[in-house]
Amino acid sequence: MKNSNLKGAIGALAVVGLALAAKKISQKRKFMKGIFEEYDIQEKTPFGFADKIREMDDEKYAELKSKMKENFASKCCKRAC
């Protein structure tokens, strides 16, 4: 009996963990899709993204960099504090 209850609890935790991971992945994909649309990036590969960055002027690059930093770095730093 004890073993089956433990397996059920671990299984439930695994399902919750997968759901949270899927939610986080979905949020990141939605953010990146918005960035691609905002900066008119047609090719959805890292190389296409890098090519578009090379074509940007300094002002647009700084804006993009701050958005990326705000979205990805701030969440990481909040956990460390």
Protein backbone atom coordinates (compact mmCIF):
# COMPACT_ATOMS: atom_id res chain seq x y z
CA MET A 1 0.00 0.00 0.00
CA LYS A 2 2.70 2.48 0.96
CA ASN A 3 4.61 1.95 -2.27
CA SER A 4 1.58 2.55 -4.50
CA ASN A 5 0.73 5.77 -2.65
CA LEU A 6 4.29 6.98 -3.08
CA LYS A 7 4.21 6.20 -6.79
CA GLY A 8 0.94 8.09 -7.13
CA ALA A 9 2.36 11.15 -5.36
CA ILE A 10 5.51 11.11 -7.48
CA GLY A 11 3.42 10.72 -10.62
CA ALA A 12 1.26 13.69 -9.65
CA LEU A 13 4.35 15.81 -9.02
CA ALA A 14 5.75 14.79 -12.40
CA VAL A 15 2.53 15.83 -14.15
CA VAL A 16 2.56 19.22 -12.38
CA GLY A 17 6.24 19.70 -13.29
CA LEU A 18 5.58 18.94 -16.94
CA ALA A 19 2.63 21.33 -16.98
CA LEU A 20 4.75 24.14 -15.53
CA ALA A 21 7.55 23.46 -18.01
CA ALA A 22 5.09 23.48 -20.91
CA LYS A 23 3.65 26.79 -19.71
CA LYS A 24 7.11 28.39 -19.48
CA ILE A 25 8.06 27.12 -22.95
CA SER A 26 4.80 28.49 -24.33
CA GLN A 27 5.47 31.91 -22.82
CA LYS A 28 8.99 32.05 -24.28
CA ARG A 29 7.73 30.98 -27.71
CA LYS A 30 5.02 33.65 -27.61
CA PHE A 31 7.58 36.30 -26.67
CA MET A 32 9.96 35.28 -29.46
CA LYS A 33 7.11 35.17 -31.99
CA GLY A 34 6.23 38.74 -31.00
CA ILE A 35 9.86 39.81 -31.46
CA PHE A 36 9.98 38.19 -34.91
CA GLU A 37 6.78 39.98 -35.95
CA GLU A 38 7.79 43.34 -34.47
CA TYR A 39 11.18 43.41 -36.20
CA ASP A 40 9.89 41.78 -39.41
CA ILE A 41 12.14 38.73 -39.22
CA GLN A 42 10.97 36.22 -41.82
CA GLU A 43 13.45 33.40 -41.23
CA LYS A 44 12.83 31.74 -37.84
CA THR A 45 16.31 30.25 -37.44
CA PRO A 46 19.16 31.56 -35.26
CA PHE A 47 21.04 32.47 -38.45
CA GLY A 48 18.11 34.51 -39.77
CA PHE A 49 17.81 36.27 -36.42
CA ALA A 50 21.55 37.05 -36.43
CA ASP A 51 21.40 38.37 -39.99
CA LYS A 52 18.56 40.71 -39.07
CA ILE A 53 20.49 41.96 -36.03
CA ARG A 54 23.48 42.75 -38.25
CA GLU A 55 21.22 44.85 -40.49
CA MET A 56 19.76 46.88 -37.58
CA ASP A 57 20.94 50.33 -36.68
CA ASP A 58 22.31 50.97 -33.18
CA GLU A 59 19.05 52.38 -31.80
CA LYS A 60 16.91 49.40 -32.85
CA TYR A 61 19.58 46.97 -31.64
CA ALA A 62 19.67 48.64 -28.21
CA GLU A 63 15.87 48.43 -28.02
CA LEU A 64 15.87 44.74 -28.96
CA LYS A 65 18.67 44.02 -26.52
CA SER A 66 16.82 45.69 -23.65
CA LYS A 67 13.63 43.73 -24.42
CA MET A 68 15.52 40.44 -24.49
CA LYS A 69 17.38 41.29 -21.31
CA GLU A 70 14.16 42.36 -19.57
CA ASN A 71 12.33 39.18 -20.49
CA PHE A 72 15.03 36.57 -19.94
CA ALA A 73 17.55 38.01 -17.47
CA SER A 74 15.14 39.54 -14.96
CA LYS A 75 13.40 36.22 -14.29
CA CYS A 76 16.71 34.51 -13.69
CA CYS A 77 17.95 37.17 -11.28
CA LYS A 78 14.71 37.19 -9.27
CA ARG A 79 15.22 33.54 -8.33
CA ALA A 80 18.82 34.10 -7.26
CA CYS A 81 17.97 36.91 -4.85
